[in-house]
């Protein structure tokens, strides 16, 4: 008597379902990690924007300009801090740090010539 093997056995079906399940779980975890990474991008982009804006304000108004420590952009409050130092060439170096209330931040460094007196 010859046995025909036209279908799947129960064991083969269980193994196939297990492999598909592992693949689906891997895809879902990757998608979740991507979502988390993209979700924080808005805060980082706004922090970069506020740091760039502060750099331009310093360039336009000069190193001694009185500028606010906090700005609101995109519905979030960003705290800006500028640390200054003088380089050997006589330029004023500004290290501008911008941090949102949620945590992500950005840093930008610019060099400005001293104002003529």
C-alpha atoms as a PDB file:
ATOM      1  CA  UNK A   1       0.000   0.000   0.000  1.00  0.00           C
ATOM      2  CA  UNK A   2       1.421   3.350  -1.096  1.00  0.00           C
ATOM      3  CA  UNK A   3       0.706   6.371   1.066  1.00  0.00           C
ATOM      4  CA  UNK A   4       0.137   9.718  -0.628  1.00  0.00           C
ATOM      5  CA  UNK A   5       1.529  12.836   1.052  1.00  0.00           C
ATOM      6  CA  UNK A   6      -0.652  15.577  -0.385  1.00  0.00           C
ATOM      7  CA  UNK A   7      -1.264  17.691   2.734  1.00  0.00           C
ATOM      8  CA  UNK A   8       0.486  19.144   5.757  1.00  0.00           C
ATOM      9  CA  UNK A   9       0.831  17.327   8.991  1.00  0.00           C
ATOM     10  CA  UNK A  10      -0.185  19.022  12.195  1.00  0.00           C
ATOM     11  CA  UNK A  11       3.458  19.328  13.250  1.00  0.00           C
ATOM     12  CA  UNK A  12       4.422  21.067   9.987  1.00  0.00           C
ATOM     13  CA  UNK A  13       1.535  23.477  10.414  1.00  0.00           C
ATOM     14  CA  UNK A  14       2.563  24.329  13.994  1.00  0.00           C
ATOM     15  CA  UNK A  15       6.174  24.969  12.899  1.00  0.00           C
ATOM     16  CA  UNK A  16       5.008  27.215  10.031  1.00  0.00           C
ATOM     17  CA  UNK A  17       2.743  29.231  12.348  1.00  0.00           C
ATOM     18  CA  UNK A  18       5.585  29.573  14.876  1.00  0.00           C
ATOM     19  CA  UNK A  19       7.988  30.892  12.229  1.00  0.00           C
ATOM     20  CA  UNK A  20       5.400  33.381  10.943  1.00  0.00           C
ATOM     21  CA  UNK A  21       4.672  34.538  14.491  1.00  0.00           C
ATOM     22  CA  UNK A  22       8.362  35.172  15.196  1.00  0.00           C
ATOM     23  CA  UNK A  23       8.638  37.186  11.984  1.00  0.00           C
ATOM     24  CA  UNK A  24       5.581  39.285  12.822  1.00  0.00           C
ATOM     25  CA  UNK A  25       6.847  39.967  16.358  1.00  0.00           C
ATOM     26  CA  UNK A  26      10.216  41.108  14.965  1.00  0.00           C
ATOM     27  CA  UNK A  27       8.513  43.492  12.514  1.00  0.00           C
ATOM     28  CA  UNK A  28       6.269  44.930  15.237  1.00  0.00           C
ATOM     29  CA  UNK A  29       9.219  45.553  17.574  1.00  0.00           C
ATOM     30  CA  UNK A  30      11.130  47.310  14.801  1.00  0.00           C
ATOM     31  CA  UNK A  31       8.101  49.451  13.989  1.00  0.00           C
ATOM     32  CA  UNK A  32       7.682  50.371  17.651  1.00  0.00           C
ATOM     33  CA  UNK A  33      11.342  51.403  17.975  1.00  0.00           C
ATOM     34  CA  UNK A  34      11.051  53.530  14.827  1.00  0.00           C
ATOM     35  CA  UNK A  35       7.921  55.195  16.190  1.00  0.00           C
ATOM     36  CA  UNK A  36       9.710  56.068  19.430  1.00  0.00           C
ATOM     37  CA  UNK A  37      12.713  57.482  17.572  1.00  0.00           C
ATOM     38  CA  UNK A  38      10.549  59.575  15.254  1.00  0.00           C
ATOM     39  CA  UNK A  39       8.360  60.735  18.140  1.00  0.00           C
ATOM     40  CA  UNK A  40      11.279  62.516  19.819  1.00  0.00           C
ATOM     41  CA  UNK A  41      12.435  64.130  16.584  1.00  0.00           C
ATOM     42  CA  UNK A  42      10.011  67.049  16.870  1.00  0.00           C
ATOM     43  CA  UNK A  43      11.465  68.126  20.228  1.00  0.00           C
ATOM     44  CA  UNK A  44      15.033  67.882  18.916  1.00  0.00           C
ATOM     45  CA  UNK A  45      14.202  69.829  15.749  1.00  0.00           C
ATOM     46  CA  UNK A  46      12.537  72.607  17.738  1.00  0.00           C
ATOM     47  CA  UNK A  47      15.529  72.725  20.107  1.00  0.00           C
ATOM     48  CA  UNK A  48      17.861  73.064  17.111  1.00  0.00           C
ATOM     49  CA  UNK A  49      15.637  75.804  15.721  1.00  0.00           C
ATOM     50  CA  UNK A  50      15.667  77.787  18.969  1.00  0.00           C
ATOM     51  CA  UNK A  51      19.467  77.443  19.272  1.00  0.00           C
ATOM     52  CA  UNK A  52      19.880  78.639  15.669  1.00  0.00           C
ATOM     53  CA  UNK A  53      17.499  81.542  16.289  1.00  0.00           C
ATOM     54  CA  UNK A  54      19.493  82.567  19.367  1.00  0.00           C
ATOM     55  CA  UNK A  55      22.722  82.412  17.349  1.00  0.00           C
ATOM     56  CA  UNK A  56      21.225  84.735  14.727  1.00  0.00           C
ATOM     57  CA  UNK A  57      19.942  87.110  17.427  1.00  0.00           C
ATOM     58  CA  UNK A  58      23.441  87.324  18.900  1.00  0.00           C
ATOM     59  CA  UNK A  59      24.949  87.950  15.461  1.00  0.00           C
ATOM     60  CA  UNK A  60      22.407  90.688  14.697  1.00  0.00           C
ATOM     61  CA  UNK A  61      22.190  92.393  18.090  1.00  0.00           C
ATOM     62  CA  UNK A  62      25.764  91.857  19.250  1.00  0.00           C
ATOM     63  CA  UNK A  63      27.383  89.871  22.048  1.00  0.00           C
ATOM     64  CA  UNK A  64      26.127  92.205  24.778  1.00  0.00           C
ATOM     65  CA  UNK A  65      22.429  92.019  23.818  1.00  0.00           C
ATOM     66  CA  UNK A  66      19.958  91.253  26.606  1.00  0.00           C
ATOM     67  CA  UNK A  67      17.954  88.252  25.424  1.00  0.00           C
ATOM     68  CA  UNK A  68      15.349  86.172  27.298  1.00  0.00           C
ATOM     69  CA  UNK A  69      16.406  82.894  28.895  1.00  0.00           C
ATOM     70  CA  UNK A  70      13.184  81.141  27.851  1.00  0.00           C
ATOM     71  CA  UNK A  71      11.271  81.130  24.583  1.00  0.00           C
ATOM     72  CA  UNK A  72       8.032  79.436  23.570  1.00  0.00           C
ATOM     73  CA  UNK A  73       7.945  77.764  20.183  1.00  0.00           C
ATOM     74  CA  UNK A  74       5.615  75.043  18.956  1.00  0.00           C
ATOM     75  CA  UNK A  75       3.698  75.193  22.228  1.00  0.00           C
ATOM     76  CA  UNK A  76       6.786  74.215  24.238  1.00  0.00           C
ATOM     77  CA  UNK A  77       9.014  76.256  26.511  1.00  0.00           C
ATOM     78  CA  UNK A  78      12.721  76.082  25.720  1.00  0.00           C
ATOM     79  CA  UNK A  79      15.424  77.228  28.122  1.00  0.00           C
ATOM     80  CA  UNK A  80      18.407  78.828  26.409  1.00  0.00           C
ATOM     81  CA  UNK A  81      21.844  79.158  27.944  1.00  0.00           C
ATOM     82  CA  UNK A  82      24.832  80.863  26.310  1.00  0.00           C
ATOM     83  CA  UNK A  83      28.315  80.399  27.742  1.00  0.00           C
ATOM     84  CA  UNK A  84      30.857  82.884  26.411  1.00  0.00           C
ATOM     85  CA  UNK A  85      34.621  82.836  26.204  1.00  0.00           C
ATOM     86  CA  UNK A  86      37.217  84.841  24.299  1.00  0.00           C
ATOM     87  CA  UNK A  87      39.438  83.026  21.799  1.00  0.00           C
ATOM     88  CA  UNK A  88      43.133  83.717  21.235  1.00  0.00           C
ATOM     89  CA  UNK A  89      42.194  85.632  18.070  1.00  0.00           C
ATOM     90  CA  UNK A  90      39.960  87.965  20.064  1.00  0.00           C
ATOM     91  CA  UNK A  91      36.655  86.511  18.905  1.00  0.00           C
ATOM     92  CA  UNK A  92      33.833  85.864  21.350  1.00  0.00           C
ATOM     93  CA  UNK A  93      32.795  82.197  21.369  1.00  0.00           C
ATOM     94  CA  UNK A  94      29.181  81.454  22.290  1.00  0.00           C
ATOM     95  CA  UNK A  95      28.159  77.901  23.218  1.00  0.00           C
ATOM     96  CA  UNK A  96      24.377  78.043  22.996  1.00  0.00           C
ATOM     97  CA  UNK A  97      22.383  75.245  24.623  1.00  0.00           C
ATOM     98  CA  UNK A  98      18.643  74.861  24.111  1.00  0.00           C
ATOM     99  CA  UNK A  99      16.613  72.381  26.164  1.00  0.00           C
ATOM    100  CA  UNK A 100      12.882  71.723  26.084  1.00  0.00           C
ATOM    101  CA  UNK A 101      10.704  71.120  29.109  1.00  0.00           C
ATOM    102  CA  UNK A 102      10.390  67.484  27.971  1.00  0.00           C
ATOM    103  CA  UNK A 103      14.139  66.912  27.873  1.00  0.00           C
ATOM    104  CA  UNK A 104      15.591  66.830  24.335  1.00  0.00           C
ATOM    105  CA  UNK A 105      17.969  69.627  23.506  1.00  0.00           C
ATOM    106  CA  UNK A 106      20.509  70.979  21.052  1.00  0.00           C
ATOM    107  CA  UNK A 107      23.786  72.855  21.151  1.00  0.00           C
ATOM    108  CA  UNK A 108      25.285  75.334  18.718  1.00  0.00           C
ATOM    109  CA  UNK A 109      28.622  77.172  18.803  1.00  0.00           C
ATOM    110  CA  UNK A 110      29.226  80.484  17.040  1.00  0.00           C
ATOM    111  CA  UNK A 111      32.035  83.032  16.940  1.00  0.00           C
ATOM    112  CA  UNK A 112      31.369  86.767  16.917  1.00  0.00           C
ATOM    113  CA  UNK A 113      33.797  89.662  16.577  1.00  0.00           C
ATOM    114  CA  UNK A 114      34.005  92.101  19.465  1.00  0.00           C
ATOM    115  CA  UNK A 115      32.059  95.319  18.954  1.00  0.00           C
ATOM    116  CA  UNK A 116      34.064  98.451  18.185  1.00  0.00           C
ATOM    117  CA  UNK A 117      33.997 101.008  20.995  1.00  0.00           C
END
